[in-house]
Amino acid sequence: MRLRNVKNANEIIEASPYVIMEPTKYKGLWAQVFGNSNPIHIEIGMGKGHFIHENAMKYPDINFIGIEKYTSVLARAVQRNTVTDLPNLRLMCIDALTLNDIFDKEIDTIYLNFSDPWPKDRHAKRRLTSDVFLDIYDNIFKCDNNIVLKTDNVNLYNYSKDQLVIHKYDIKTSEFDINNMPDDNIMTEYESKFLKNNNTIYKIIAIRKN
């Protein structure tokens, strides 16, 4: 996907009450940031933010953090989502490779929604379900490891299944399209487009008891 630069993206991000500008300062302190000890769920690669905002509105007793690597994408998410009272939502602009610098065994669930499949073999380590990232996630989960993945890319789906099994996760898989979409499904912007085009969505719920 070609990224379009957003004019004054940094200023838009800095002005948002939801964006944490220096998240490394809060390692081990995220319960204090939210002012409660509720579970913390993160979405890595939040895109325009629809999924994370909808979850924050639907589940007020869960704290949500949306993570996006690119400032222009995060700025667009801030612009598009104008809900002004979501105390259980925070956003940040970071590379997922730095997650260990930001969280210290504080995360309950990780969402990976329509991540870049990095289809070339030489780029496999960049996939968010590669050994590199699964090892990082091990250090930020609070107790049990819980990963929820959705993709329309069957190769990434199969790769992720294999990786999660190697890393001792119990996995539950499902597939759906526009004709049999789960009632409780909260869609991302991409997912909505994929479903309208009759694409199949592949989902993995992966749990590893610790």
N, C-alpha and C. Protein backbone atom coordinates (compact mmCIF):
# COMPACT_ATOMS: atom_id res chain seq x y z
N MET A 1 0.84 -1.19 0.00
CA MET A 1 0.00 0.00 0.00
C MET A 1 0.88 1.24 0.00
N ARG A 2 0.60 2.17 -0.87
CA ARG A 2 1.36 3.41 -0.94
C ARG A 2 0.85 4.36 0.14
N LEU A 3 1.79 4.87 0.95
CA LEU A 3 1.41 5.77 2.03
C LEU A 3 1.37 7.19 1.52
N ARG A 4 0.31 7.90 1.86
CA ARG A 4 0.20 9.30 1.50
C ARG A 4 0.57 10.15 2.72
N ASN A 5 1.49 11.07 2.49
CA ASN A 5 1.90 11.93 3.59
C ASN A 5 0.75 12.84 4.02
N VAL A 6 0.62 13.02 5.31
CA VAL A 6 -0.38 13.92 5.86
C VAL A 6 0.34 15.19 6.30
N LYS A 7 -0.11 16.32 5.79
CA LYS A 7 0.51 17.59 6.15
C LYS A 7 0.37 17.82 7.65
N ASN A 8 1.47 18.25 8.28
CA ASN A 8 1.47 18.53 9.72
C ASN A 8 1.12 17.30 10.56
N ALA A 9 1.53 16.13 10.10
CA ALA A 9 1.18 14.90 10.81
C ALA A 9 1.67 14.93 12.26
N ASN A 10 2.90 15.39 12.48
CA ASN A 10 3.42 15.42 13.84
C ASN A 10 2.61 16.34 14.74
N GLU A 11 2.19 17.47 14.21
CA GLU A 11 1.39 18.40 15.00
C GLU A 11 0.03 17.82 15.34
N ILE A 12 -0.56 17.10 14.40
CA ILE A 12 -1.86 16.46 14.63
C ILE A 12 -1.74 15.41 15.73
N ILE A 13 -0.67 14.62 15.66
CA ILE A 13 -0.46 13.57 16.66
C ILE A 13 -0.23 14.18 18.04
N GLU A 14 0.63 15.18 18.11
CA GLU A 14 0.97 15.78 19.40
C GLU A 14 -0.24 16.45 20.06
N ALA A 15 -1.19 16.90 19.26
CA ALA A 15 -2.37 17.59 19.80
C ALA A 15 -3.45 16.62 20.30
N SER A 16 -3.31 15.34 19.97
CA SER A 16 -4.34 14.37 20.36
C SER A 16 -4.20 13.99 21.83
N PRO A 17 -5.30 13.99 22.58
CA PRO A 17 -5.23 13.56 23.99
C PRO A 17 -4.99 12.07 24.15
N TYR A 18 -5.13 11.31 23.07
CA TYR A 18 -4.98 9.86 23.14
C TYR A 18 -3.55 9.38 22.89
N VAL A 19 -2.74 10.19 22.23
CA VAL A 19 -1.42 9.73 21.79
C VAL A 19 -0.39 9.90 22.91
N ILE A 20 0.33 8.83 23.18
CA ILE A 20 1.45 8.85 24.12
C ILE A 20 2.72 9.12 23.32
N MET A 21 3.35 10.28 23.57
CA MET A 21 4.46 10.70 22.74
C MET A 21 5.78 10.01 23.09
N GLU A 22 6.02 9.71 24.36
CA GLU A 22 7.26 9.06 24.77
C GLU A 22 6.93 7.81 25.57
N PRO A 23 6.46 6.78 24.90
CA PRO A 23 5.93 5.61 25.63
C PRO A 23 6.96 4.86 26.46
N THR A 24 8.25 4.98 26.14
CA THR A 24 9.26 4.26 26.92
C THR A 24 9.29 4.74 28.37
N LYS A 25 8.80 5.93 28.63
CA LYS A 25 8.77 6.46 30.00
C LYS A 25 7.80 5.69 30.89
N TYR A 26 6.89 4.94 30.28
CA TYR A 26 5.81 4.32 31.04
C TYR A 26 5.95 2.81 31.16
N LYS A 27 7.13 2.29 30.82
CA LYS A 27 7.35 0.86 30.96
C LYS A 27 7.12 0.43 32.41
N GLY A 28 6.23 -0.54 32.58
CA GLY A 28 5.89 -1.01 33.91
C GLY A 28 4.88 -0.16 34.64
N LEU A 29 4.42 0.92 33.99
CA LEU A 29 3.54 1.89 34.65
C LEU A 29 2.21 2.09 33.94
N TRP A 30 1.85 1.16 33.04
CA TRP A 30 0.67 1.39 32.22
C TRP A 30 -0.63 1.33 33.03
N ALA A 31 -0.65 0.61 34.12
CA ALA A 31 -1.83 0.65 35.00
C ALA A 31 -2.03 2.05 35.56
N GLN A 32 -0.92 2.74 35.83
CA GLN A 32 -1.01 4.12 36.31
C GLN A 32 -1.47 5.07 35.21
N VAL A 33 -1.03 4.82 33.98
CA VAL A 33 -1.46 5.65 32.86
C VAL A 33 -2.98 5.61 32.72
N PHE A 34 -3.56 4.41 32.83
CA PHE A 34 -5.00 4.26 32.68
C PHE A 34 -5.75 4.51 33.99
N GLY A 35 -5.04 4.49 35.10
CA GLY A 35 -5.67 4.72 36.39
C GLY A 35 -6.48 3.54 36.90
N ASN A 36 -6.15 2.34 36.41
CA ASN A 36 -6.84 1.13 36.87
C ASN A 36 -6.00 -0.08 36.54
N SER A 37 -6.44 -1.23 37.03
CA SER A 37 -5.71 -2.48 36.78
C SER A 37 -6.44 -3.38 35.79
N ASN A 38 -7.26 -2.80 34.94
CA ASN A 38 -7.99 -3.58 33.94
C ASN A 38 -7.02 -4.20 32.93
N PRO A 39 -7.46 -5.28 32.25
CA PRO A 39 -6.61 -5.89 31.21
C PRO A 39 -6.23 -4.88 30.14
N ILE A 40 -5.06 -5.07 29.56
CA ILE A 40 -4.58 -4.20 28.48
C ILE A 40 -4.46 -5.02 27.21
N HIS A 41 -5.14 -4.58 26.16
CA HIS A 41 -5.07 -5.20 24.85
C HIS A 41 -4.40 -4.24 23.88
N ILE A 42 -3.52 -4.74 23.03
CA ILE A 42 -2.87 -3.88 22.05
C ILE A 42 -3.14 -4.39 20.64
N GLU A 43 -3.25 -3.46 19.72
CA GLU A 43 -3.34 -3.79 18.30
C GLU A 43 -2.07 -3.29 17.63
N ILE A 44 -1.32 -4.18 17.03
CA ILE A 44 -0.09 -3.82 16.34
C ILE A 44 -0.41 -3.61 14.86
N GLY A 45 -0.20 -2.39 14.39
CA GLY A 45 -0.57 -2.02 13.03
C GLY A 45 -2.03 -1.64 12.97
N MET A 46 -2.41 -0.56 13.66
CA MET A 46 -3.82 -0.19 13.83
C MET A 46 -4.42 0.50 12.61
N GLY A 47 -3.56 0.90 11.64
CA GLY A 47 -4.10 1.56 10.46
C GLY A 47 -4.86 2.82 10.81
N LYS A 48 -6.05 2.96 10.28
CA LYS A 48 -6.85 4.17 10.51
C LYS A 48 -7.65 4.13 11.81
N GLY A 49 -7.49 3.05 12.57
CA GLY A 49 -7.95 3.05 13.94
C GLY A 49 -9.37 2.62 14.22
N HIS A 50 -10.11 2.19 13.20
CA HIS A 50 -11.52 1.86 13.44
C HIS A 50 -11.66 0.72 14.43
N PHE A 51 -10.87 -0.32 14.28
CA PHE A 51 -10.98 -1.50 15.13
C PHE A 51 -10.72 -1.16 16.59
N ILE A 52 -9.64 -0.44 16.86
CA ILE A 52 -9.27 -0.16 18.24
C ILE A 52 -10.27 0.80 18.90
N HIS A 53 -10.78 1.78 18.14
CA HIS A 53 -11.78 2.70 18.68
C HIS A 53 -13.09 1.98 18.98
N GLU A 54 -13.52 1.12 18.07
CA GLU A 54 -14.77 0.39 18.29
C GLU A 54 -14.67 -0.52 19.51
N ASN A 55 -13.54 -1.15 19.69
CA ASN A 55 -13.35 -2.01 20.85
C ASN A 55 -13.35 -1.20 22.15
N ALA A 56 -12.69 -0.05 22.12
CA ALA A 56 -12.65 0.79 23.32
C ALA A 56 -14.04 1.25 23.72
N MET A 57 -14.89 1.52 22.74
CA MET A 57 -16.26 1.94 23.04
C MET A 57 -17.11 0.77 23.54
N LYS A 58 -16.89 -0.40 22.96
CA LYS A 58 -17.71 -1.56 23.29
C LYS A 58 -17.32 -2.20 24.62
N TYR A 59 -16.03 -2.12 24.97
CA TYR A 59 -15.55 -2.79 26.16
C TYR A 59 -14.85 -1.79 27.10
N PRO A 60 -15.62 -1.01 27.85
CA PRO A 60 -15.02 0.03 28.70
C PRO A 60 -14.18 -0.51 29.85
N ASP A 61 -14.32 -1.80 30.18
CA ASP A 61 -13.54 -2.38 31.27
C ASP A 61 -12.25 -3.03 30.80
N ILE A 62 -11.89 -2.78 29.54
CA ILE A 62 -10.60 -3.21 29.00
C ILE A 62 -9.87 -1.98 28.49
N ASN A 63 -8.59 -1.89 28.75
CA ASN A 63 -7.77 -0.80 28.23
C ASN A 63 -7.17 -1.20 26.89
N PHE A 64 -7.23 -0.30 25.92
CA PHE A 64 -6.76 -0.59 24.57
C PHE A 64 -5.66 0.38 24.17
N ILE A 65 -4.63 -0.17 23.52
CA ILE A 65 -3.55 0.65 22.99
C ILE A 65 -3.38 0.31 21.51
N GLY A 66 -3.51 1.31 20.66
CA GLY A 66 -3.30 1.14 19.23
C GLY A 66 -1.89 1.54 18.86
N ILE A 67 -1.20 0.69 18.13
CA ILE A 67 0.19 0.91 17.77
C ILE A 67 0.31 1.01 16.25
N GLU A 68 0.94 2.09 15.80
CA GLU A 68 1.12 2.30 14.37
C GLU A 68 2.54 2.80 14.12
N LYS A 69 3.17 2.29 13.09
CA LYS A 69 4.57 2.61 12.80
C LYS A 69 4.73 3.95 12.09
N TYR A 70 3.74 4.33 11.28
CA TYR A 70 3.91 5.48 10.40
C TYR A 70 3.11 6.69 10.89
N THR A 71 3.77 7.83 10.97
CA THR A 71 3.13 9.04 11.51
C THR A 71 1.94 9.48 10.67
N SER A 72 2.04 9.38 9.36
CA SER A 72 0.93 9.82 8.51
C SER A 72 -0.30 8.95 8.72
N VAL A 73 -0.10 7.65 8.92
CA VAL A 73 -1.23 6.75 9.15
C VAL A 73 -1.86 7.05 10.51
N LEU A 74 -1.03 7.26 11.53
CA LEU A 74 -1.57 7.57 12.85
C LEU A 74 -2.29 8.91 12.84
N ALA A 75 -1.75 9.88 12.14
CA ALA A 75 -2.41 11.18 12.05
C ALA A 75 -3.78 11.05 11.39
N ARG A 76 -3.87 10.22 10.37
CA ARG A 76 -5.16 9.99 9.71
C ARG A 76 -6.14 9.33 10.66
N ALA A 77 -5.66 8.42 11.47
CA ALA A 77 -6.52 7.76 12.46
C ALA A 77 -7.04 8.77 13.47
N VAL A 78 -6.18 9.67 13.91
CA VAL A 78 -6.60 10.71 14.85
C VAL A 78 -7.65 11.61 14.23
N GLN A 79 -7.47 11.96 12.97
CA GLN A 79 -8.42 12.83 12.29
C GLN A 79 -9.77 12.17 12.07
N ARG A 80 -9.77 10.89 11.78
CA ARG A 80 -10.99 10.19 11.41
C ARG A 80 -11.84 9.79 12.62
N ASN A 81 -11.22 9.66 13.77
CA ASN A 81 -11.94 9.20 14.95
C ASN A 81 -12.05 10.35 15.94
N THR A 82 -13.25 10.87 16.06
CA THR A 82 -13.47 12.11 16.80
C THR A 82 -14.16 11.88 18.15
N VAL A 83 -14.27 10.63 18.60
CA VAL A 83 -14.85 10.37 19.92
C VAL A 83 -13.95 11.03 20.96
N THR A 84 -14.55 11.82 21.85
CA THR A 84 -13.76 12.66 22.74
C THR A 84 -13.66 12.14 24.17
N ASP A 85 -14.31 11.03 24.49
CA ASP A 85 -14.30 10.55 25.87
C ASP A 85 -14.11 9.04 25.91
N LEU A 86 -12.87 8.62 25.70
CA LEU A 86 -12.53 7.20 25.78
C LEU A 86 -11.33 7.06 26.72
N PRO A 87 -11.57 7.04 28.01
CA PRO A 87 -10.45 6.97 28.96
C PRO A 87 -9.67 5.67 28.88
N ASN A 88 -10.24 4.66 28.23
CA ASN A 88 -9.57 3.36 28.12
C ASN A 88 -8.83 3.18 26.80
N LEU A 89 -8.49 4.29 26.13
CA LEU A 89 -7.81 4.21 24.84
C LEU A 89 -6.55 5.08 24.83
N ARG A 90 -5.46 4.51 24.32
CA ARG A 90 -4.25 5.26 24.06
C ARG A 90 -3.69 4.81 22.72
N LEU A 91 -2.92 5.68 22.07
CA LEU A 91 -2.31 5.40 20.78
C LEU A 91 -0.83 5.75 20.86
N MET A 92 -0.03 5.10 20.02
CA MET A 92 1.38 5.46 19.97
C MET A 92 1.96 5.15 18.60
N CYS A 93 3.01 5.87 18.25
CA CYS A 93 3.68 5.69 16.97
C CYS A 93 5.06 5.08 17.26
N ILE A 94 5.16 3.77 17.08
CA ILE A 94 6.41 3.07 17.34
C ILE A 94 6.57 1.92 16.35
N ASP A 95 7.78 1.39 16.28
CA ASP A 95 8.05 0.15 15.57
C ASP A 95 7.85 -1.00 16.55
N ALA A 96 7.17 -2.05 16.14
CA ALA A 96 6.89 -3.18 17.03
C ALA A 96 8.16 -3.85 17.54
N LEU A 97 9.28 -3.64 16.89
CA LEU A 97 10.53 -4.20 17.36
C LEU A 97 10.96 -3.61 18.70
N THR A 98 10.38 -2.47 19.08
CA THR A 98 10.75 -1.81 20.33
C THR A 98 9.77 -2.09 21.47
N LEU A 99 8.88 -3.04 21.30
CA LEU A 99 7.86 -3.31 22.32
C LEU A 99 8.47 -3.63 23.69
N ASN A 100 9.61 -4.30 23.70
CA ASN A 100 10.25 -4.65 24.98
C ASN A 100 10.73 -3.42 25.75
N ASP A 101 10.90 -2.30 25.04
CA ASP A 101 11.30 -1.06 25.70
C ASP A 101 10.11 -0.31 26.30
N ILE A 102 8.89 -0.79 26.01
CA ILE A 102 7.70 -0.04 26.36
C ILE A 102 6.82 -0.77 27.38
N PHE A 103 6.81 -2.09 27.33
CA PHE A 103 5.96 -2.88 28.23
C PHE A 103 6.80 -3.89 29.00
N ASP A 104 6.42 -4.11 30.25
CA ASP A 104 7.09 -5.09 31.09
C ASP A 104 6.05 -6.05 31.67
N LYS A 105 5.76 -7.10 30.92
CA LYS A 105 4.78 -8.10 31.34
C LYS A 105 3.47 -7.45 31.80
N GLU A 106 2.90 -6.65 30.89
CA GLU A 106 1.69 -5.88 31.20
C GLU A 106 0.53 -6.14 30.25
N ILE A 107 0.76 -6.91 29.20
CA ILE A 107 -0.23 -7.05 28.12
C ILE A 107 -0.98 -8.37 28.25
N ASP A 108 -2.29 -8.31 28.04
CA ASP A 108 -3.14 -9.50 28.12
C ASP A 108 -3.45 -10.09 26.75
N THR A 109 -3.65 -9.26 25.74
CA THR A 109 -4.00 -9.74 24.40
C THR A 109 -3.34 -8.87 23.34
N ILE A 110 -2.87 -9.50 22.27
CA ILE A 110 -2.32 -8.81 21.11
C ILE A 110 -3.19 -9.11 19.90
N TYR A 111 -3.60 -8.06 19.18
CA TYR A 111 -4.35 -8.20 17.92
C TYR A 111 -3.41 -7.91 16.75
N LEU A 112 -3.42 -8.79 15.77
CA LEU A 112 -2.68 -8.62 14.53
C LEU A 112 -3.69 -8.67 13.39
N ASN A 113 -4.12 -7.51 12.94
CA ASN A 113 -5.18 -7.43 11.94
C ASN A 113 -4.61 -7.03 10.58
N PHE A 114 -4.66 -7.94 9.64
CA PHE A 114 -4.30 -7.68 8.25
C PHE A 114 -2.89 -7.09 8.14
N SER A 115 -1.98 -7.74 8.84
CA SER A 115 -0.58 -7.32 8.83
C SER A 115 0.02 -7.54 7.44
N ASP A 116 1.07 -6.80 7.15
CA ASP A 116 1.80 -6.98 5.90
C ASP A 116 2.28 -8.43 5.82
N PRO A 117 1.93 -9.17 4.76
CA PRO A 117 2.32 -10.60 4.68
C PRO A 117 3.79 -10.81 4.32
N TRP A 118 4.47 -9.77 3.87
CA TRP A 118 5.88 -9.91 3.46
C TRP A 118 6.06 -11.23 2.70
N PRO A 119 5.56 -11.33 1.48
CA PRO A 119 5.47 -12.62 0.77
C PRO A 119 6.80 -13.25 0.37
N LYS A 120 7.86 -12.46 0.24
CA LYS A 120 9.14 -13.04 -0.17
C LYS A 120 9.82 -13.75 1.01
N ASP A 121 10.38 -14.90 0.74
CA ASP A 121 11.00 -15.69 1.79
C ASP A 121 12.09 -14.92 2.53
N ARG A 122 12.82 -14.10 1.82
CA ARG A 122 13.93 -13.39 2.47
C ARG A 122 13.44 -12.33 3.45
N HIS A 123 12.14 -12.03 3.39
CA HIS A 123 11.55 -11.05 4.31
C HIS A 123 10.75 -11.70 5.43
N ALA A 124 10.85 -13.01 5.57
CA ALA A 124 9.99 -13.73 6.53
C ALA A 124 10.13 -13.20 7.95
N LYS A 125 11.34 -12.77 8.34
CA LYS A 125 11.55 -12.30 9.71
C LYS A 125 10.77 -11.02 10.01
N ARG A 126 10.30 -10.34 8.97
CA ARG A 126 9.54 -9.10 9.18
C ARG A 126 8.06 -9.37 9.48
N ARG A 127 7.62 -10.59 9.23
CA ARG A 127 6.23 -10.92 9.52
C ARG A 127 5.99 -10.87 11.03
N LEU A 128 4.84 -10.38 11.42
CA LEU A 128 4.56 -10.18 12.84
C LEU A 128 4.31 -11.47 13.60
N THR A 129 4.35 -12.60 12.89
CA THR A 129 4.30 -13.90 13.56
C THR A 129 5.59 -14.69 13.34
N SER A 130 6.67 -14.01 13.00
CA SER A 130 7.96 -14.68 12.86
C SER A 130 8.55 -14.95 14.25
N ASP A 131 9.60 -15.75 14.30
CA ASP A 131 10.29 -16.01 15.56
C ASP A 131 10.70 -14.71 16.25
N VAL A 132 11.16 -13.75 15.45
CA VAL A 132 11.63 -12.47 16.00
C VAL A 132 10.55 -11.83 16.86
N PHE A 133 9.33 -11.73 16.32
CA PHE A 133 8.27 -11.04 17.03
C PHE A 133 7.63 -11.90 18.11
N LEU A 134 7.48 -13.19 17.86
CA LEU A 134 6.90 -14.05 18.88
C LEU A 134 7.77 -14.08 20.14
N ASP A 135 9.08 -14.00 19.97
CA ASP A 135 9.97 -13.92 21.13
C ASP A 135 9.80 -12.60 21.87
N ILE A 136 9.60 -11.52 21.14
CA ILE A 136 9.35 -10.22 21.76
C ILE A 136 8.06 -10.26 22.56
N TYR A 137 7.02 -10.82 21.98
CA TYR A 137 5.73 -10.88 22.67
C TYR A 137 5.82 -11.64 23.99
N ASP A 138 6.67 -12.66 24.03
CA ASP A 138 6.83 -13.44 25.26
C ASP A 138 7.17 -12.55 26.45
N ASN A 139 7.91 -11.48 26.20
CA ASN A 139 8.37 -10.61 27.28
C ASN A 139 7.36 -9.57 27.72
N ILE A 140 6.30 -9.38 26.96
CA ILE A 140 5.36 -8.31 27.32
C ILE A 140 4.02 -8.85 27.83
N PHE A 141 3.77 -10.15 27.63
CA PHE A 141 2.52 -10.70 28.15
C PHE A 141 2.55 -10.75 29.67
N LYS A 142 1.43 -10.40 30.27
CA LYS A 142 1.32 -10.37 31.73
C LYS A 142 1.28 -11.76 32.33
N CYS A 143 0.49 -12.63 31.73
CA CYS A 143 0.33 -13.99 32.25
C CYS A 143 0.31 -14.94 31.06
N ASP A 144 -0.87 -15.38 30.65
CA ASP A 144 -0.96 -16.24 29.47
C ASP A 144 -0.75 -15.42 28.20
N ASN A 145 -0.25 -16.08 27.16
CA ASN A 145 -0.09 -15.43 25.86
C ASN A 145 -1.39 -15.57 25.07
N ASN A 146 -1.94 -14.46 24.62
CA ASN A 146 -3.16 -14.47 23.82
C ASN A 146 -2.95 -13.62 22.58
N ILE A 147 -3.02 -14.26 21.42
CA ILE A 147 -2.85 -13.56 20.15
C ILE A 147 -4.08 -13.83 19.28
N VAL A 148 -4.64 -12.76 18.71
CA VAL A 148 -5.77 -12.88 17.80
C VAL A 148 -5.34 -12.28 16.46
N LEU A 149 -5.37 -13.10 15.42
CA LEU A 149 -4.90 -12.68 14.10
C LEU A 149 -6.03 -12.80 13.09
N LYS A 150 -6.14 -11.80 12.22
CA LYS A 150 -7.03 -11.89 11.06
C LYS A 150 -6.26 -11.45 9.83
N THR A 151 -6.49 -12.15 8.72
CA THR A 151 -5.83 -11.82 7.47
C THR A 151 -6.67 -12.31 6.31
N ASP A 152 -6.47 -11.72 5.14
CA ASP A 152 -7.08 -12.26 3.93
C ASP A 152 -6.04 -12.99 3.09
N ASN A 153 -4.81 -13.10 3.63
CA ASN A 153 -3.71 -13.71 2.90
C ASN A 153 -3.51 -15.15 3.39
N VAL A 154 -3.87 -16.11 2.57
CA VAL A 154 -3.83 -17.51 3.01
C VAL A 154 -2.41 -17.99 3.30
N ASN A 155 -1.42 -17.43 2.62
CA ASN A 155 -0.04 -17.83 2.88
C ASN A 155 0.42 -17.35 4.25
N LEU A 156 0.06 -16.13 4.61
CA LEU A 156 0.39 -15.63 5.95
C LEU A 156 -0.36 -16.42 7.01
N TYR A 157 -1.59 -16.75 6.71
CA TYR A 157 -2.40 -17.57 7.62
C TYR A 157 -1.73 -18.92 7.90
N ASN A 158 -1.32 -19.61 6.86
CA ASN A 158 -0.69 -20.92 7.02
C ASN A 158 0.67 -20.80 7.72
N TYR A 159 1.44 -19.80 7.34
CA TYR A 159 2.72 -19.55 7.99
C TYR A 159 2.52 -19.29 9.48
N SER A 160 1.55 -18.45 9.82
CA SER A 160 1.31 -18.10 11.22
C SER A 160 0.85 -19.31 12.02
N LYS A 161 0.01 -20.14 11.44
CA LYS A 161 -0.41 -21.37 12.13
C LYS A 161 0.80 -22.21 12.48
N ASP A 162 1.68 -22.41 11.52
CA ASP A 162 2.87 -23.23 11.76
C ASP A 162 3.76 -22.62 12.84
N GLN A 163 3.95 -21.32 12.77
CA GLN A 163 4.80 -20.64 13.74
C GLN A 163 4.24 -20.74 15.15
N LEU A 164 2.96 -20.53 15.27
CA LEU A 164 2.34 -20.54 16.60
C LEU A 164 2.38 -21.94 17.22
N VAL A 165 2.22 -22.97 16.40
CA VAL A 165 2.33 -24.34 16.90
C VAL A 165 3.75 -24.61 17.37
N ILE A 166 4.74 -24.17 16.61
CA ILE A 166 6.14 -24.35 17.01
C ILE A 166 6.41 -23.68 18.35
N HIS A 167 5.77 -22.55 18.58
CA HIS A 167 5.96 -21.80 19.82
C HIS A 167 4.99 -22.23 20.93
N LYS A 168 4.42 -23.42 20.76
CA LYS A 168 3.65 -24.09 21.82
C LYS A 168 2.30 -23.41 22.12
N TYR A 169 1.73 -22.74 21.15
CA TYR A 169 0.39 -22.18 21.31
C TYR A 169 -0.66 -23.22 20.95
N ASP A 170 -1.77 -23.19 21.67
CA ASP A 170 -2.97 -23.90 21.23
C ASP A 170 -3.75 -22.94 20.34
N ILE A 171 -4.12 -23.41 19.15
CA ILE A 171 -4.75 -22.49 18.21
C ILE A 171 -6.14 -22.98 17.79
N LYS A 172 -7.00 -22.01 17.59
CA LYS A 172 -8.33 -22.24 17.06
C LYS A 172 -8.46 -21.39 15.80
N THR A 173 -8.82 -22.03 14.70
CA THR A 173 -8.89 -21.32 13.43
C THR A 173 -10.33 -21.27 12.92
N SER A 174 -10.60 -20.25 12.11
CA SER A 174 -11.91 -20.13 11.48
C SER A 174 -11.77 -19.34 10.19
N GLU A 175 -12.74 -19.48 9.33
CA GLU A 175 -12.78 -18.74 8.08
C GLU A 175 -14.19 -18.21 7.89
N PHE A 176 -14.31 -17.00 7.32
CA PHE A 176 -15.65 -16.47 7.05
C PHE A 176 -15.59 -15.48 5.90
N ASP A 177 -16.75 -15.21 5.34
CA ASP A 177 -16.88 -14.20 4.29
C ASP A 177 -18.11 -13.37 4.58
N ILE A 178 -18.55 -12.59 3.61
CA ILE A 178 -19.67 -11.68 3.83
C ILE A 178 -20.96 -12.42 4.14
N ASN A 179 -21.05 -13.68 3.75
CA ASN A 179 -22.28 -14.44 3.94
C ASN A 179 -22.37 -15.15 5.29
N ASN A 180 -21.27 -15.29 5.98
CA ASN A 180 -21.31 -15.98 7.28
C ASN A 180 -20.40 -15.31 8.29
N MET A 181 -20.48 -14.00 8.36
CA MET A 181 -19.63 -13.23 9.25
C MET A 181 -20.08 -13.40 10.70
N PRO A 182 -19.16 -13.61 11.64
CA PRO A 182 -19.53 -13.76 13.05
C PRO A 182 -20.27 -12.54 13.58
N ASP A 183 -21.25 -12.77 14.45
CA ASP A 183 -22.06 -11.67 14.97
C ASP A 183 -21.25 -10.67 15.76
N ASP A 184 -20.21 -11.13 16.44
CA ASP A 184 -19.43 -10.25 17.31
C ASP A 184 -18.20 -9.68 16.62
N ASN A 185 -18.12 -9.81 15.32
CA ASN A 185 -16.94 -9.37 14.59
C ASN A 185 -16.87 -7.85 14.49
N ILE A 186 -15.77 -7.27 14.93
CA ILE A 186 -15.50 -5.85 14.75
C ILE A 186 -14.49 -5.73 13.62
N MET A 187 -14.86 -5.03 12.58
CA MET A 187 -14.05 -4.99 11.36
C MET A 187 -13.06 -3.83 11.36
N THR A 188 -11.96 -4.05 10.67
CA THR A 188 -11.05 -2.97 10.31
C THR A 188 -11.55 -2.37 8.99
N GLU A 189 -10.94 -1.24 8.59
CA GLU A 189 -11.32 -0.64 7.31
C GLU A 189 -11.02 -1.59 6.16
N TYR A 190 -9.85 -2.23 6.20
CA TYR A 190 -9.48 -3.17 5.14
C TYR A 190 -10.44 -4.35 5.08
N GLU A 191 -10.78 -4.84 6.24
CA GLU A 191 -11.66 -6.01 6.29
C GLU A 191 -13.00 -5.73 5.62
N SER A 192 -13.53 -4.55 5.86
CA SER A 192 -14.80 -4.16 5.25
C SER A 192 -14.70 -4.20 3.73
N LYS A 193 -13.59 -3.69 3.20
CA LYS A 193 -13.39 -3.70 1.75
C LYS A 193 -13.22 -5.13 1.23
N PHE A 194 -12.44 -5.93 1.94
CA PHE A 194 -12.21 -7.31 1.51
C PHE A 194 -13.52 -8.10 1.46
N LEU A 195 -14.35 -7.94 2.48
CA LEU A 195 -15.60 -8.68 2.55
C LEU A 195 -16.54 -8.27 1.41
N LYS A 196 -16.58 -6.99 1.10
CA LYS A 196 -17.43 -6.52 0.00
C LYS A 196 -16.99 -7.12 -1.34
N ASN A 197 -15.71 -7.48 -1.43
CA ASN A 197 -15.18 -8.09 -2.65
C ASN A 197 -15.24 -9.62 -2.62
N ASN A 198 -16.00 -10.14 -1.63
CA ASN A 198 -16.16 -11.59 -1.49
C ASN A 198 -14.87 -12.33 -1.12
N ASN A 199 -13.96 -11.63 -0.49
CA ASN A 199 -12.74 -12.29 -0.01
C ASN A 199 -13.04 -13.15 1.22
N THR A 200 -12.24 -14.19 1.39
CA THR A 200 -12.32 -14.99 2.60
C THR A 200 -11.40 -14.40 3.66
N ILE A 201 -11.90 -14.30 4.89
CA ILE A 201 -11.10 -13.83 6.01
C ILE A 201 -10.68 -15.03 6.84
N TYR A 202 -9.40 -15.11 7.17
CA TYR A 202 -8.87 -16.19 7.97
C TYR A 202 -8.54 -15.65 9.37
N LYS A 203 -8.98 -16.38 10.39
CA LYS A 203 -8.78 -15.92 11.76
C LYS A 203 -8.12 -17.00 12.61
N ILE A 204 -7.23 -16.57 13.46
CA ILE A 204 -6.57 -17.46 14.41
C ILE A 204 -6.71 -16.87 15.81
N ILE A 205 -7.17 -17.67 16.74
CA ILE A 205 -7.09 -17.33 18.17
C ILE A 205 -6.06 -18.28 18.77
N ALA A 206 -4.97 -17.73 19.27
CA ALA A 206 -3.86 -18.54 19.77
C ALA A 206 -3.64 -18.25 21.25
N ILE A 207 -3.55 -19.29 22.04
CA ILE A 207 -3.37 -19.15 23.49
C ILE A 207 -2.27 -20.09 23.96
N ARG A 208 -1.39 -19.54 24.77
CA ARG A 208 -0.37 -20.38 25.42
C ARG A 208 -0.42 -20.12 26.92
N LYS A 209 -0.77 -21.15 27.66
CA LYS A 209 -0.84 -21.03 29.11
C LYS A 209 0.56 -21.02 29.70
N ASN A 210 0.80 -20.11 30.60
CA ASN A 210 2.12 -19.98 31.21
C ASN A 210 2.03 -20.21 32.72
